[in-house]
N, C-alpha and C. Protein backbone atom coordinates (compact mmCIF):
# COMPACT_ATOMS: atom_id res chain seq x y z
N MET A 1 86.52 101.49 123.75
CA MET A 1 87.44 100.56 123.27
C MET A 1 88.95 101.33 123.32
N PRO A 2 89.83 100.60 123.89
CA PRO A 2 91.35 101.16 123.80
C PRO A 2 91.70 101.66 122.61
N PRO A 3 92.61 102.75 122.42
CA PRO A 3 93.04 103.33 121.23
C PRO A 3 93.84 102.07 120.43
N LEU A 4 94.85 101.27 121.05
CA LEU A 4 95.44 100.36 120.52
C LEU A 4 94.51 99.30 119.62
N ALA A 5 93.48 98.84 120.34
CA ALA A 5 92.46 97.98 119.89
C ALA A 5 91.82 98.57 118.68
N LEU A 6 91.52 99.85 118.60
CA LEU A 6 91.08 100.54 117.37
C LEU A 6 91.90 100.41 116.23
N LEU A 7 93.07 100.81 116.45
CA LEU A 7 94.32 100.69 115.41
C LEU A 7 94.32 99.30 114.86
N LEU A 8 94.38 98.26 115.80
CA LEU A 8 94.48 97.03 115.14
C LEU A 8 93.15 96.59 114.33
N LEU A 9 92.02 96.87 114.95
CA LEU A 9 90.79 96.80 113.97
C LEU A 9 90.77 97.27 112.84
N ALA A 10 91.22 98.54 112.69
CA ALA A 10 91.27 99.40 111.45
C ALA A 10 92.36 98.55 110.35
N ALA A 11 93.33 98.04 110.79
CA ALA A 11 94.35 97.46 110.01
C ALA A 11 93.68 96.13 109.43
N GLN A 12 92.82 95.45 110.37
CA GLN A 12 92.29 94.22 109.84
C GLN A 12 91.12 94.53 109.04
N VAL A 13 90.50 95.62 109.11
CA VAL A 13 89.35 95.85 108.16
C VAL A 13 89.85 96.40 106.80
N GLY A 14 91.07 96.70 106.78
CA GLY A 14 91.61 97.25 105.38
C GLY A 14 92.33 98.41 105.41
N GLY A 15 92.35 99.01 106.58
CA GLY A 15 92.98 100.47 106.68
C GLY A 15 94.39 100.19 106.80
N THR A 16 95.06 101.24 107.15
CA THR A 16 96.58 101.14 107.36
C THR A 16 96.97 101.72 108.69
N VAL A 17 97.75 101.11 109.26
CA VAL A 17 98.36 101.52 110.82
C VAL A 17 99.11 102.83 110.67
N PRO A 18 98.65 103.99 111.20
CA PRO A 18 99.68 104.93 111.01
C PRO A 18 101.00 104.91 111.27
N GLY A 19 101.96 105.30 110.30
CA GLY A 19 103.35 105.01 110.49
C GLY A 19 103.62 103.71 110.05
N ALA A 20 103.07 102.91 109.59
CA ALA A 20 103.46 101.54 108.97
C ALA A 20 103.96 101.77 107.63
N VAL A 21 104.87 101.06 107.30
CA VAL A 21 105.47 101.11 106.00
C VAL A 21 105.18 99.82 105.19
N PRO A 22 104.56 99.68 104.11
CA PRO A 22 104.27 98.65 103.50
C PRO A 22 105.61 97.75 103.23
N SER A 23 105.38 96.39 103.70
CA SER A 23 106.53 95.49 103.41
C SER A 23 106.43 94.66 102.21
N PRO A 24 107.60 94.37 101.71
CA PRO A 24 107.63 93.51 100.34
C PRO A 24 106.75 92.41 100.57
N GLY A 25 107.13 91.62 101.77
CA GLY A 25 106.53 90.28 102.01
C GLY A 25 106.60 89.45 100.86
N ARG A 26 105.66 88.48 100.87
CA ARG A 26 105.70 87.44 99.75
C ARG A 26 104.58 87.78 98.92
N TYR A 27 104.80 87.63 97.51
CA TYR A 27 103.83 87.94 96.66
C TYR A 27 103.98 87.07 95.46
N PRO A 28 102.88 86.80 94.64
CA PRO A 28 102.94 86.16 93.39
C PRO A 28 103.86 86.74 92.30
N ALA A 29 104.30 85.84 91.65
CA ALA A 29 105.54 86.49 90.76
C ALA A 29 104.78 87.05 89.55
N GLN A 30 103.66 87.46 89.47
CA GLN A 30 102.90 88.07 88.29
C GLN A 30 103.51 89.39 87.71
N CYS A 31 103.97 90.26 88.80
CA CYS A 31 104.43 91.57 88.51
C CYS A 31 105.79 91.66 88.84
N THR A 32 106.36 92.23 87.95
CA THR A 32 108.06 92.59 88.32
C THR A 32 108.33 93.88 89.02
N ALA A 33 107.86 94.96 88.53
CA ALA A 33 108.16 96.16 89.41
C ALA A 33 107.34 97.35 88.83
N VAL A 34 107.35 98.58 89.55
CA VAL A 34 106.66 99.62 88.96
C VAL A 34 107.68 100.67 88.75
N ARG A 35 108.04 100.94 87.54
CA ARG A 35 108.99 102.12 87.06
C ARG A 35 108.16 103.36 87.39
N VAL A 36 109.02 104.37 87.92
CA VAL A 36 108.63 105.65 88.30
C VAL A 36 109.29 106.74 87.49
N LEU A 37 108.66 107.49 86.82
CA LEU A 37 109.28 108.59 85.90
C LEU A 37 108.56 109.82 86.04
N ALA A 38 109.27 110.91 85.84
CA ALA A 38 108.69 112.34 85.79
C ALA A 38 107.99 112.40 84.41
N SER A 39 106.93 113.02 84.42
CA SER A 39 106.10 113.13 83.32
C SER A 39 106.98 113.64 81.97
N ASP A 40 107.87 114.53 82.18
CA ASP A 40 108.66 115.16 81.11
C ASP A 40 110.05 114.32 80.82
N ARG A 41 110.21 113.34 81.42
CA ARG A 41 111.53 112.65 81.23
C ARG A 41 111.30 111.34 80.65
N THR A 42 112.38 110.64 80.03
CA THR A 42 112.04 109.41 79.47
C THR A 42 112.76 108.25 80.35
N ALA A 43 113.57 108.62 81.24
CA ALA A 43 114.10 107.62 82.13
C ALA A 43 114.16 108.17 83.63
N PRO A 44 113.98 107.34 84.56
CA PRO A 44 114.02 107.71 86.01
C PRO A 44 115.50 108.26 86.36
N PRO A 45 115.54 109.27 87.32
CA PRO A 45 116.75 109.51 87.91
C PRO A 45 117.44 108.42 88.51
N LYS A 46 118.79 108.47 88.57
CA LYS A 46 119.52 107.42 89.15
C LYS A 46 119.21 107.18 90.65
N ASP A 47 119.06 108.22 91.42
CA ASP A 47 118.54 108.00 92.80
C ASP A 47 117.13 108.10 93.11
N MET A 48 116.19 108.05 92.12
CA MET A 48 114.92 107.94 92.42
C MET A 48 114.35 109.16 93.14
N THR A 49 115.04 110.27 92.98
CA THR A 49 114.54 111.60 93.61
C THR A 49 113.87 112.58 92.66
N PHE A 50 112.64 113.08 93.00
CA PHE A 50 112.09 114.00 92.14
C PHE A 50 112.00 115.32 92.73
N SER A 51 111.97 116.48 92.10
CA SER A 51 111.86 117.76 92.61
C SER A 51 110.47 118.22 92.58
N SER A 52 109.57 118.52 93.66
CA SER A 52 108.19 118.88 93.57
C SER A 52 108.16 120.10 92.68
N ARG A 53 109.28 120.85 92.41
CA ARG A 53 109.23 122.40 91.74
C ARG A 53 109.35 122.02 90.11
N GLU A 54 109.86 121.00 89.98
CA GLU A 54 110.07 120.66 88.49
C GLU A 54 109.29 119.43 87.87
N THR A 55 108.66 118.85 88.76
CA THR A 55 107.72 117.68 88.30
C THR A 55 106.17 118.04 88.38
N LEU A 56 105.51 118.01 87.28
CA LEU A 56 104.06 118.06 87.32
C LEU A 56 103.47 116.95 87.81
N ASP A 57 103.76 115.80 87.19
CA ASP A 57 103.27 114.51 87.35
C ASP A 57 104.30 113.50 87.43
N LEU A 58 103.94 112.44 88.01
CA LEU A 58 104.75 111.30 88.18
C LEU A 58 104.00 110.21 87.42
N LEU A 59 104.87 109.42 86.44
CA LEU A 59 104.05 108.46 85.70
C LEU A 59 104.62 107.11 86.31
N PHE A 60 103.55 106.14 86.56
CA PHE A 60 103.98 104.76 87.13
C PHE A 60 103.71 103.78 85.98
N ARG A 61 104.66 102.93 85.89
CA ARG A 61 104.57 101.93 84.77
C ARG A 61 104.79 100.53 85.26
N PRO A 62 103.65 100.12 85.87
CA PRO A 62 103.67 98.73 86.34
C PRO A 62 103.98 97.63 85.35
N ARG A 63 104.65 96.79 85.65
CA ARG A 63 105.04 95.52 84.62
C ARG A 63 104.45 94.21 85.06
N VAL A 64 104.05 93.21 84.16
CA VAL A 64 103.77 92.03 84.37
C VAL A 64 104.45 91.22 83.55
N ARG A 65 104.77 89.87 83.91
CA ARG A 65 105.72 88.94 83.35
C ARG A 65 105.13 88.37 82.24
N GLN A 66 103.72 88.44 82.03
CA GLN A 66 103.08 87.57 80.83
C GLN A 66 102.09 88.43 80.35
N ASP A 67 101.62 88.07 79.13
CA ASP A 67 100.36 88.72 78.39
C ASP A 67 99.19 88.07 79.19
N LEU A 68 98.70 88.73 80.25
CA LEU A 68 97.43 88.17 80.91
C LEU A 68 96.35 88.15 79.82
N GLN A 69 95.57 87.23 79.57
CA GLN A 69 94.53 87.24 78.68
C GLN A 69 93.23 87.58 79.54
N GLY A 70 92.20 88.31 78.76
CA GLY A 70 91.01 88.59 79.43
C GLY A 70 91.23 89.99 80.09
N GLU A 71 90.10 90.26 80.87
CA GLU A 71 89.99 91.46 81.73
C GLU A 71 90.61 91.46 83.00
N HIS A 72 91.28 92.64 83.41
CA HIS A 72 92.04 92.49 84.83
C HIS A 72 91.91 93.99 85.21
N LEU A 73 92.20 94.04 86.61
CA LEU A 73 92.45 95.34 87.13
C LEU A 73 93.76 95.48 87.87
N MET A 74 94.52 96.68 87.64
CA MET A 74 95.83 96.79 88.34
C MET A 74 95.52 97.93 89.35
N GLN A 75 95.83 97.86 90.42
CA GLN A 75 95.78 98.70 91.50
C GLN A 75 97.03 99.05 92.10
N LEU A 76 97.30 100.22 91.90
CA LEU A 76 98.62 100.83 92.60
C LEU A 76 98.53 101.63 93.88
N LYS A 77 98.89 100.93 94.94
CA LYS A 77 98.63 101.71 96.24
C LYS A 77 100.01 102.53 96.48
N VAL A 78 99.61 103.77 96.61
CA VAL A 78 100.78 104.85 96.85
C VAL A 78 100.77 105.22 98.30
N PHE A 79 101.85 105.07 98.95
CA PHE A 79 101.90 105.59 100.38
C PHE A 79 102.87 106.57 100.57
N THR A 80 102.48 107.60 101.44
CA THR A 80 103.33 108.80 101.93
C THR A 80 104.48 108.46 102.57
N PRO A 81 105.58 109.39 102.84
CA PRO A 81 106.71 108.96 103.74
C PRO A 81 106.29 108.39 105.14
N GLY A 82 105.14 108.87 105.66
CA GLY A 82 104.81 108.35 107.00
C GLY A 82 104.04 107.06 106.97
N GLY A 83 104.01 106.27 105.73
CA GLY A 83 103.49 105.06 105.74
C GLY A 83 101.86 105.15 105.56
N PHE A 84 101.33 106.32 105.44
CA PHE A 84 99.98 106.23 105.10
C PHE A 84 99.55 106.02 103.81
N LEU A 85 98.35 105.34 103.59
CA LEU A 85 97.83 105.12 102.17
C LEU A 85 97.41 106.51 101.56
N TYR A 86 98.15 107.00 100.51
CA TYR A 86 97.71 108.33 99.99
C TYR A 86 96.66 108.26 99.03
N GLN A 87 96.95 107.21 98.23
CA GLN A 87 95.92 107.08 96.99
C GLN A 87 95.91 105.71 96.55
N VAL A 88 94.91 105.11 95.91
CA VAL A 88 94.89 103.94 95.20
C VAL A 88 94.59 104.29 93.70
N ILE A 89 95.30 103.96 92.70
CA ILE A 89 95.09 104.25 91.38
C ILE A 89 94.66 103.02 90.56
N THR A 90 93.55 102.89 90.10
CA THR A 90 92.96 101.78 89.39
C THR A 90 93.10 101.73 87.97
N VAL A 91 93.59 100.76 87.46
CA VAL A 91 93.79 100.71 85.91
C VAL A 91 93.18 99.40 85.34
N PRO A 92 92.02 99.68 84.73
CA PRO A 92 91.58 98.29 84.07
C PRO A 92 92.31 98.02 82.83
N PHE A 93 92.54 96.73 82.44
CA PHE A 93 93.48 96.39 81.35
C PHE A 93 93.05 95.14 80.88
N VAL A 94 93.54 94.91 79.37
CA VAL A 94 93.11 93.66 78.91
C VAL A 94 94.49 93.20 78.19
N GLY A 95 94.64 91.80 78.12
CA GLY A 95 95.76 91.37 77.48
C GLY A 95 95.64 91.28 75.99
N GLY A 96 95.80 90.00 75.35
CA GLY A 96 95.68 89.85 73.83
C GLY A 96 94.24 90.21 73.38
N ALA A 97 94.23 90.41 72.06
CA ALA A 97 92.92 90.86 71.55
C ALA A 97 91.88 89.89 71.57
N ARG A 98 90.64 90.49 71.81
CA ARG A 98 89.53 89.54 72.09
C ARG A 98 88.60 89.49 70.80
N PRO A 99 87.79 88.68 70.68
CA PRO A 99 86.69 88.67 69.52
C PRO A 99 85.96 89.93 69.61
N GLY A 100 85.72 90.50 68.41
CA GLY A 100 84.78 91.60 68.45
C GLY A 100 85.59 92.84 68.43
N TRP A 101 86.91 92.95 68.62
CA TRP A 101 87.69 94.03 68.40
C TRP A 101 88.18 94.11 67.03
N THR A 102 88.28 95.15 66.48
CA THR A 102 88.63 95.06 65.06
C THR A 102 90.09 95.56 64.88
N THR A 103 90.76 94.95 63.95
CA THR A 103 92.30 95.33 63.59
C THR A 103 92.20 96.07 62.46
N ASN A 104 93.21 97.27 62.42
CA ASN A 104 93.38 98.10 61.39
C ASN A 104 94.80 97.42 60.76
N ARG A 105 94.67 96.43 59.98
CA ARG A 105 95.71 95.89 59.41
C ARG A 105 96.83 96.64 58.73
N ALA A 106 96.17 97.65 58.07
CA ALA A 106 97.03 98.68 57.21
C ALA A 106 98.06 99.40 58.37
N ALA A 107 97.43 99.99 59.33
CA ALA A 107 98.21 100.54 60.33
C ALA A 107 98.93 99.61 61.47
N GLY A 108 98.51 98.42 61.47
CA GLY A 108 99.15 97.42 62.35
C GLY A 108 98.60 97.50 63.81
N SER A 109 97.45 98.16 63.89
CA SER A 109 96.88 98.37 65.28
C SER A 109 95.54 97.64 65.59
N VAL A 110 95.14 97.71 66.79
CA VAL A 110 93.86 97.18 67.30
C VAL A 110 93.21 98.43 67.97
N ASP A 111 91.94 98.52 67.73
CA ASP A 111 91.08 99.57 68.16
C ASP A 111 91.05 99.48 69.63
N PRO A 112 90.99 100.53 70.37
CA PRO A 112 91.12 100.57 71.83
C PRO A 112 89.88 99.71 72.46
N PRO A 113 90.10 99.07 73.49
CA PRO A 113 88.96 98.51 74.18
C PRO A 113 87.95 99.71 74.79
N PRO A 114 86.52 99.27 74.72
CA PRO A 114 85.76 100.13 75.35
C PRO A 114 85.72 100.38 76.77
N PRO A 115 85.41 101.70 77.36
CA PRO A 115 85.66 101.81 78.78
C PRO A 115 84.91 100.82 79.67
N ARG A 116 85.27 100.50 80.81
CA ARG A 116 84.76 99.58 81.58
C ARG A 116 84.10 100.08 82.90
N VAL A 117 82.97 99.69 83.33
CA VAL A 117 82.22 99.93 84.56
C VAL A 117 83.00 99.30 85.57
N VAL A 118 83.64 100.13 86.66
CA VAL A 118 84.38 99.49 87.66
C VAL A 118 83.62 99.80 89.10
N PRO A 119 83.36 98.79 89.72
CA PRO A 119 82.52 99.19 91.13
C PRO A 119 83.43 100.10 91.90
N GLY A 120 82.70 101.34 92.54
CA GLY A 120 83.19 102.24 93.28
C GLY A 120 83.68 103.41 92.57
N PHE A 121 83.58 103.47 91.20
CA PHE A 121 83.84 104.69 90.42
C PHE A 121 82.36 105.18 89.65
N PRO A 122 82.26 106.38 89.63
CA PRO A 122 81.01 106.97 89.18
C PRO A 122 80.82 106.99 87.60
N ARG A 123 82.06 106.83 86.90
CA ARG A 123 81.92 106.83 85.45
C ARG A 123 82.87 105.47 84.96
N PRO A 124 82.56 105.03 83.81
CA PRO A 124 83.43 103.94 83.30
C PRO A 124 84.95 104.46 82.98
N LEU A 125 85.85 103.54 83.33
CA LEU A 125 87.22 103.87 83.44
C LEU A 125 87.73 103.54 81.86
N GLU A 126 88.80 104.27 81.49
CA GLU A 126 89.42 103.92 80.07
C GLU A 126 90.31 102.55 80.42
N VAL A 127 90.05 101.82 79.52
CA VAL A 127 90.86 100.48 79.61
C VAL A 127 91.99 100.45 78.68
N GLN A 128 93.09 100.00 79.42
CA GLN A 128 94.34 99.89 78.68
C GLN A 128 94.69 98.62 78.12
N ARG A 129 95.57 98.54 77.33
CA ARG A 129 96.14 97.20 76.61
C ARG A 129 97.56 97.09 76.96
N LEU A 130 97.83 95.70 77.45
CA LEU A 130 99.15 95.58 77.96
C LEU A 130 100.11 95.84 76.81
N GLU A 131 101.16 96.46 77.14
CA GLU A 131 102.15 96.96 75.84
C GLU A 131 103.44 96.13 76.08
N PRO A 132 103.83 95.48 75.12
CA PRO A 132 105.05 94.56 75.32
C PRO A 132 106.39 95.60 75.45
N VAL A 133 107.14 95.21 76.25
CA VAL A 133 108.52 95.94 76.57
C VAL A 133 109.62 94.94 76.84
N SER A 134 110.82 95.22 76.61
CA SER A 134 111.82 94.21 76.98
C SER A 134 112.21 94.35 78.60
N GLY A 135 112.43 93.34 78.99
CA GLY A 135 112.54 93.21 80.46
C GLY A 135 113.76 94.09 80.96
N GLY A 136 113.63 94.40 82.21
CA GLY A 136 114.55 95.25 82.81
C GLY A 136 115.96 94.66 82.86
N SER A 137 116.12 93.71 83.76
CA SER A 137 117.43 93.12 83.97
C SER A 137 117.68 91.83 83.12
N SER A 138 116.64 91.42 82.30
CA SER A 138 116.67 90.14 81.66
C SER A 138 116.43 90.37 80.25
N SER A 139 116.66 89.35 79.39
CA SER A 139 116.24 89.60 77.95
C SER A 139 114.59 89.21 77.74
N ARG A 140 113.83 88.63 78.88
CA ARG A 140 112.67 88.25 78.76
C ARG A 140 111.76 89.48 78.41
N ARG A 141 110.47 89.14 77.60
CA ARG A 141 109.65 90.30 77.39
C ARG A 141 108.58 90.38 78.56
N GLU A 142 108.25 91.54 78.95
CA GLU A 142 107.30 91.93 80.03
C GLU A 142 106.37 92.77 79.21
N TYR A 143 105.30 93.04 80.08
CA TYR A 143 104.15 93.86 79.52
C TYR A 143 104.05 94.86 80.60
N GLU A 144 103.63 96.25 79.95
CA GLU A 144 103.60 97.37 80.80
C GLU A 144 102.34 98.25 80.64
N LEU A 145 101.91 98.85 81.83
CA LEU A 145 100.66 99.65 81.88
C LEU A 145 101.15 101.13 82.33
N ARG A 146 100.37 102.06 82.11
CA ARG A 146 100.59 103.31 82.84
C ARG A 146 99.49 104.05 83.48
N ALA A 147 100.18 104.81 84.44
CA ALA A 147 99.19 105.40 85.50
C ALA A 147 99.90 106.85 85.72
N ARG A 148 99.21 107.75 86.27
CA ARG A 148 99.70 109.13 86.53
C ARG A 148 99.31 109.56 87.76
N LEU A 149 100.37 110.12 88.66
CA LEU A 149 100.18 110.63 89.73
C LEU A 149 100.35 112.18 89.73
N PRO A 150 99.42 113.06 89.77
CA PRO A 150 99.77 114.44 89.92
C PRO A 150 100.43 114.88 91.16
N VAL A 151 101.58 115.82 90.88
CA VAL A 151 102.22 116.34 92.07
C VAL A 151 102.05 117.85 92.15
N ALA A 152 102.16 118.64 91.38
CA ALA A 152 102.14 120.07 91.26
C ALA A 152 100.71 120.46 91.62
N GLY A 153 100.63 121.30 92.72
CA GLY A 153 99.29 121.86 92.81
C GLY A 153 98.39 120.87 93.85
N THR A 154 99.04 119.71 94.36
CA THR A 154 98.19 118.75 95.20
C THR A 154 98.66 118.84 96.59
N SER A 155 97.87 118.08 97.30
CA SER A 155 98.41 118.08 98.70
C SER A 155 99.93 117.82 99.03
N ILE A 156 100.54 117.11 98.01
CA ILE A 156 101.96 116.65 98.18
C ILE A 156 102.88 117.98 98.40
N THR A 157 102.44 118.92 97.58
CA THR A 157 103.17 120.24 97.56
C THR A 157 102.60 121.27 98.66
N LEU A 158 101.19 121.17 98.71
CA LEU A 158 100.57 122.11 99.61
C LEU A 158 100.81 121.77 101.01
N SER A 159 100.87 120.61 101.35
CA SER A 159 101.07 120.16 102.82
C SER A 159 102.74 119.69 103.00
N SER A 160 103.48 119.89 102.10
CA SER A 160 104.87 119.73 102.13
C SER A 160 105.24 118.14 102.43
N LEU A 161 104.52 117.23 101.73
CA LEU A 161 104.62 115.87 102.08
C LEU A 161 105.98 115.34 101.34
N TYR A 162 106.85 115.65 101.75
CA TYR A 162 108.38 115.26 101.15
C TYR A 162 108.97 114.17 101.96
N GLY A 163 109.62 113.53 101.12
CA GLY A 163 110.46 112.23 101.70
C GLY A 163 110.29 111.10 100.87
N THR A 164 110.60 109.90 101.36
CA THR A 164 110.63 108.83 100.74
C THR A 164 109.08 108.07 100.63
N TRP A 165 108.58 108.03 99.25
CA TRP A 165 107.21 107.49 99.05
C TRP A 165 107.31 105.95 98.68
N SER A 166 106.29 105.28 98.58
CA SER A 166 106.37 103.85 98.00
C SER A 166 105.00 103.70 97.24
N VAL A 167 105.27 102.67 96.26
CA VAL A 167 104.29 102.39 95.47
C VAL A 167 104.22 100.83 95.27
N GLN A 168 103.01 100.16 95.46
CA GLN A 168 103.08 98.64 95.24
C GLN A 168 101.82 98.21 94.46
N PRO A 169 102.16 97.29 93.49
CA PRO A 169 101.07 96.86 92.74
C PRO A 169 100.37 95.68 93.27
N TYR A 170 98.88 95.69 92.93
CA TYR A 170 97.98 94.59 93.32
C TYR A 170 97.28 94.22 91.96
N LEU A 171 96.89 92.89 91.95
CA LEU A 171 96.41 92.56 90.72
C LEU A 171 94.95 91.92 90.95
N ASP A 172 93.92 92.33 90.38
CA ASP A 172 92.44 91.75 90.44
C ASP A 172 91.98 91.69 91.78
N GLY A 173 92.11 92.78 92.50
CA GLY A 173 91.49 92.88 93.73
C GLY A 173 92.33 91.98 94.86
N ALA A 174 93.35 91.43 94.71
CA ALA A 174 94.09 90.44 95.61
C ALA A 174 94.47 91.26 96.91
N THR A 175 94.53 90.69 97.95
CA THR A 175 94.71 91.30 99.27
C THR A 175 96.33 91.42 99.43
N GLU A 176 96.97 90.52 98.62
CA GLU A 176 98.51 90.43 98.59
C GLU A 176 98.93 91.19 97.49
N PRO A 177 100.16 91.98 97.59
CA PRO A 177 100.83 92.62 96.27
C PRO A 177 101.19 91.46 95.23
N CYS A 178 101.21 91.99 93.97
CA CYS A 178 101.50 91.04 93.08
C CYS A 178 103.22 91.28 92.37
N GLY A 179 103.82 92.18 93.30
CA GLY A 179 105.19 92.55 93.00
C GLY A 179 105.69 93.45 93.94
N PRO A 180 107.07 93.67 93.93
CA PRO A 180 107.88 94.38 94.91
C PRO A 180 107.40 95.74 95.14
N VAL A 181 107.45 96.47 96.26
CA VAL A 181 107.46 97.76 96.60
C VAL A 181 108.52 98.61 95.82
N THR A 182 108.15 99.83 95.25
CA THR A 182 109.11 100.72 94.72
C THR A 182 109.19 101.84 95.52
N ARG A 183 110.42 102.28 95.96
CA ARG A 183 110.49 103.41 96.77
C ARG A 183 110.91 104.69 95.83
N PHE A 184 110.48 105.81 96.17
CA PHE A 184 111.05 107.08 95.59
C PHE A 184 110.89 108.18 96.29
N THR A 185 111.61 109.25 96.15
CA THR A 185 111.67 110.44 96.91
C THR A 185 111.12 111.71 96.30
N ILE A 186 110.31 112.27 96.96
CA ILE A 186 109.90 113.75 96.36
C ILE A 186 110.33 114.65 97.36
N ARG A 187 111.02 115.68 96.79
CA ARG A 187 111.80 116.72 97.68
C ARG A 187 111.17 118.11 97.11
N ASP A 188 111.37 119.07 98.15
CA ASP A 188 111.05 120.50 97.67
C ASP A 188 111.65 120.99 96.45
C-alpha cells in the first residue's frame, strides 16, 4: 500500500496525520474554552507562554455553558507543536446532585461522587463535580472542571518538545470537539 494511502487510512481510523494541526471547525456550543494555567499560578500569562524550567504541571480548566445533569466524560486532546496527539486526558464528571448522595448542610457541601469505571482504564477514575464560575467575557455562569498535564521530567522536557501546543475539549466520546482549540507555548 502506498505511504499516502496508509496516512489517509490512519486518519480515518482515528489517528492523526503527522504534522496536522487540529482545526477549530464547527462544534456544538456546549464548551466555551479550556483555560491553561501553571500549577503554581492563579492566572494564565498574557502571552500564554510557559517556561519548562519554572513549570511543574499545567492545569487545564475546561468550561461548559450549563450544568449538565447526569454522568459525563470530558476528554482533552493535547497536541504537540508538530500537530501529533500527545495525550488524551479523560475526566469523568457529574452535574447537579443525584439521589443517594448525601449533603452536609452544616458545611454546605455534597459528598464527592464515587469513582467510576471507564472503559480503557485499569482502575476506576475519580469523578469531578462541575464547579460554577463566572463566565470569561460575559456575565453568564459557566461550569468548570480540572485536569493536570505534567511538564517537568516528562518527554516534553526530555525530548525538547518546545513550541506552540494545543488542547481541545470533547464531550461524551463525540468525534467532533465541543469547544474551540486553545493554544499555548512551552519554551525551554
